């Protein structure tokens, strides 16, 4: 008789095997722009660390252009920058990413969006990835960002990484009172 899967195996016990080659905590090597570090934790609704989550980031380069064939803006590509990474949390739910501060990208319907990083969260019990964004506390363009403006003012802090010594601090809270804002995508 085959062993029955446990509750935490909802995605499957071998999910990570096909993902390891994508893991990279430093995507700024050789890239133009302001190097930044973002450190944080993934926490559950009780404030406990999630030790086996994976976050996926997708961002524009310092000029505001994505390394993707559908981004046809008249802005330079940076051949040393992919703008994509996956980072695992450690036993304390911590993660750290070194990247460059992204440039502004166009908003749907025109105008610029504030510099931001798109984040996907994968983990046990999540059958669908959660999608959120990281904005930067020292970015004046946040005041005019159309997406950030859709979020109620009292919830916006969950999307804004705070300037800290050595970079930025930003936590992901999966549910509860301080739950991070997640977007339907």
Protein backbone atom coordinates (compact mmCIF):
# COMPACT_ATOMS: atom_id res chain seq x y z
CA UNK A 1 0.00 0.00 0.00
CA UNK A 2 1.39 3.40 -1.01
CA UNK A 3 1.80 6.02 1.74
CA UNK A 4 -0.91 8.66 1.83
CA UNK A 5 0.11 12.25 1.17
CA UNK A 6 0.22 14.52 4.19
CA UNK A 7 -1.65 17.83 4.36
CA UNK A 8 1.44 19.89 3.47
CA UNK A 9 1.90 17.93 0.24
CA UNK A 10 -1.00 19.58 -1.58
CA UNK A 11 1.25 20.60 -4.50
CA UNK A 12 3.30 17.43 -4.35
CA UNK A 13 6.42 16.35 -2.52
CA UNK A 14 8.74 16.90 -5.50
CA UNK A 15 7.67 20.41 -6.56
CA UNK A 16 11.06 21.92 -5.68
CA UNK A 17 13.12 19.59 -7.88
CA UNK A 18 12.14 21.35 -11.11
CA UNK A 19 12.58 24.79 -9.60
CA UNK A 20 16.06 24.78 -8.05
CA UNK A 21 17.89 26.02 -11.15
CA UNK A 22 15.80 29.22 -11.05
CA UNK A 23 16.73 30.12 -7.48
CA UNK A 24 18.85 33.25 -7.30
CA UNK A 25 19.08 35.76 -4.47
CA UNK A 26 21.27 38.20 -6.48
CA UNK A 27 19.99 39.29 -9.87
CA UNK A 28 21.91 42.56 -10.01
CA UNK A 29 25.35 41.18 -10.90
CA UNK A 30 26.54 43.21 -13.87
CA UNK A 31 23.32 45.23 -14.14
CA UNK A 32 23.21 49.02 -14.44
CA UNK A 33 21.38 50.97 -11.76
CA UNK A 34 21.18 51.47 -8.02
CA UNK A 35 21.87 48.18 -6.24
CA UNK A 36 19.46 47.49 -3.40
CA UNK A 37 18.84 44.69 -0.94
CA UNK A 38 15.36 43.72 0.20
CA UNK A 39 15.11 41.54 3.30
CA UNK A 40 11.97 40.22 4.91
CA UNK A 41 9.98 37.32 6.21
CA UNK A 42 6.96 35.31 5.09
CA UNK A 43 4.58 34.96 8.04
CA UNK A 44 1.32 33.09 8.54
CA UNK A 45 -1.81 34.56 10.10
CA UNK A 46 -0.51 33.92 13.62
CA UNK A 47 2.74 35.77 12.91
CA UNK A 48 4.73 32.53 12.72
CA UNK A 49 7.42 32.08 10.06
CA UNK A 50 6.67 30.06 6.93
CA UNK A 51 9.90 28.08 6.51
CA UNK A 52 9.27 26.59 3.09
CA UNK A 53 7.74 29.35 0.98
CA UNK A 54 9.15 30.53 -2.32
CA UNK A 55 8.84 34.06 -3.61
CA UNK A 56 9.19 34.88 -7.26
CA UNK A 57 10.01 38.38 -8.43
CA UNK A 58 9.57 40.06 -11.80
CA UNK A 59 10.74 43.60 -12.37
CA UNK A 60 11.83 46.17 -14.92
CA UNK A 61 15.43 47.30 -15.31
CA UNK A 62 16.70 50.67 -14.07
CA UNK A 63 15.34 52.33 -17.23
CA UNK A 64 11.84 50.90 -16.72
CA UNK A 65 11.89 48.17 -19.36
CA UNK A 66 11.16 44.49 -18.82
CA UNK A 67 13.42 41.81 -20.30
CA UNK A 68 10.48 40.38 -22.19
CA UNK A 69 9.71 40.35 -25.92
CA UNK A 70 6.29 41.95 -25.37
CA UNK A 71 7.85 45.05 -23.78
CA UNK A 72 8.51 47.15 -26.87
CA UNK A 73 9.16 50.47 -25.18
CA UNK A 74 11.80 52.67 -26.70
CA UNK A 75 14.03 52.22 -23.66
CA UNK A 76 17.33 50.34 -23.54
CA UNK A 77 17.54 46.73 -22.46
CA UNK A 78 20.25 45.77 -20.00
CA UNK A 79 21.85 42.55 -21.29
CA UNK A 80 23.17 41.77 -17.79
CA UNK A 81 19.74 41.87 -16.15
CA UNK A 82 16.93 39.32 -16.42
CA UNK A 83 14.57 40.91 -13.90
CA UNK A 84 13.43 37.50 -12.64
CA UNK A 85 14.35 35.47 -9.58
CA UNK A 86 13.04 32.89 -7.16
CA UNK A 87 14.05 32.92 -3.52
CA UNK A 88 13.29 30.32 -0.85
CA UNK A 89 12.59 31.25 2.74
CA UNK A 90 14.83 29.80 5.43
CA UNK A 91 13.77 28.00 8.63
CA UNK A 92 12.75 31.36 10.14
CA UNK A 93 10.70 32.40 7.10
CA UNK A 94 13.39 34.90 6.09
CA UNK A 95 14.43 35.84 2.57
CA UNK A 96 16.84 38.32 1.06
CA UNK A 97 17.17 39.62 -2.48
CA UNK A 98 19.81 41.81 -4.08
CA UNK A 99 18.66 43.61 -7.21
CA UNK A 100 18.54 47.08 -8.73
CA UNK A 101 15.87 49.66 -8.06
CA UNK A 102 13.52 49.41 -11.05
CA UNK A 103 12.60 52.36 -13.21
CA UNK A 104 9.05 53.55 -13.80
CA UNK A 105 6.97 51.52 -16.27
CA UNK A 106 3.86 52.66 -18.16
CA UNK A 107 0.50 52.32 -16.45
CA UNK A 108 -2.45 50.78 -18.27
CA UNK A 109 -4.19 53.67 -19.98
CA UNK A 110 -1.08 55.87 -19.97
CA UNK A 111 1.11 57.66 -17.49
CA UNK A 112 3.88 56.08 -15.41
CA UNK A 113 3.66 53.67 -12.50
CA UNK A 114 5.90 54.18 -9.50
CA UNK A 115 8.96 51.91 -9.44
CA UNK A 116 7.87 48.56 -8.06
CA UNK A 117 8.61 44.84 -8.08
CA UNK A 118 5.92 42.24 -8.79
CA UNK A 119 6.01 39.36 -6.31
CA UNK A 120 4.47 35.90 -6.52
CA UNK A 121 4.22 33.78 -3.37
CA UNK A 122 4.12 29.98 -3.48
CA UNK A 123 3.83 27.69 -0.46
CA UNK A 124 2.17 24.74 1.15
CA UNK A 125 -1.58 24.92 1.15
CA UNK A 126 -1.57 27.50 -1.65
CA UNK A 127 -3.03 25.95 -4.77
CA UNK A 128 -2.71 29.25 -6.60
CA UNK A 129 0.15 31.71 -6.30
CA UNK A 130 -0.49 34.95 -4.46
CA UNK A 131 0.48 38.13 -6.32
CA UNK A 132 1.52 41.37 -4.69
CA UNK A 133 3.93 44.27 -5.23
CA UNK A 134 6.83 45.93 -3.47
CA UNK A 135 6.92 49.73 -3.56
CA UNK A 136 9.67 51.81 -1.94
CA UNK A 137 9.13 54.15 1.03
CA UNK A 138 11.50 56.80 -0.34
CA UNK A 139 9.84 56.96 -3.78
CA UNK A 140 7.95 60.24 -4.46
CA UNK A 141 6.13 58.68 -7.45
CA UNK A 142 4.10 56.48 -5.04
CA UNK A 143 1.72 59.41 -4.56
CA UNK A 144 0.64 59.23 -8.23
CA UNK A 145 0.68 55.46 -8.80
CA UNK A 146 -2.72 54.32 -10.13
CA UNK A 147 -2.47 50.78 -8.76
CA UNK A 148 -1.34 51.87 -5.30
CA UNK A 149 -4.17 54.43 -5.31
CA UNK A 150 -6.71 51.58 -5.71
CA UNK A 151 -5.63 50.17 -2.34
CA UNK A 152 -7.34 51.63 0.76
CA UNK A 153 -4.94 54.01 2.54
CA UNK A 154 -4.83 51.92 5.73
CA UNK A 155 -3.70 48.83 3.73
CA UNK A 156 -1.01 50.50 1.58
CA UNK A 157 1.79 50.05 4.15
CA UNK A 158 1.65 46.28 3.47
CA UNK A 159 2.99 47.02 -0.04
CA UNK A 160 5.71 49.50 0.89
CA UNK A 161 9.24 48.36 1.75
CA UNK A 162 10.74 50.55 4.44
CA UNK A 163 14.22 51.99 4.08
CA UNK A 164 16.47 50.32 6.65
CA UNK A 165 20.18 50.11 7.27
CA UNK A 166 21.65 48.13 4.41
CA UNK A 167 18.59 48.30 2.16
CA UNK A 168 14.85 47.80 2.54
CA UNK A 169 12.70 45.74 4.93
CA UNK A 170 9.44 44.18 3.72
CA UNK A 171 7.41 41.30 5.16
CA UNK A 172 4.71 39.19 3.54
CA UNK A 173 1.82 38.28 5.87
CA UNK A 174 -0.38 35.58 4.35
CA UNK A 175 -3.56 36.26 6.33
CA UNK A 176 -4.94 37.98 9.38
CA UNK A 177 -5.02 41.52 10.67
CA UNK A 178 -1.82 42.71 8.91
CA UNK A 179 -2.36 40.63 5.75
CA UNK A 180 -0.40 41.84 2.75
CA UNK A 181 -2.54 43.17 -0.09
CA UNK A 182 -2.77 40.50 -2.80
CA UNK A 183 -4.08 41.16 -6.31
CA UNK A 184 -6.33 38.98 -8.48
CA UNK A 185 -4.33 38.25 -11.62
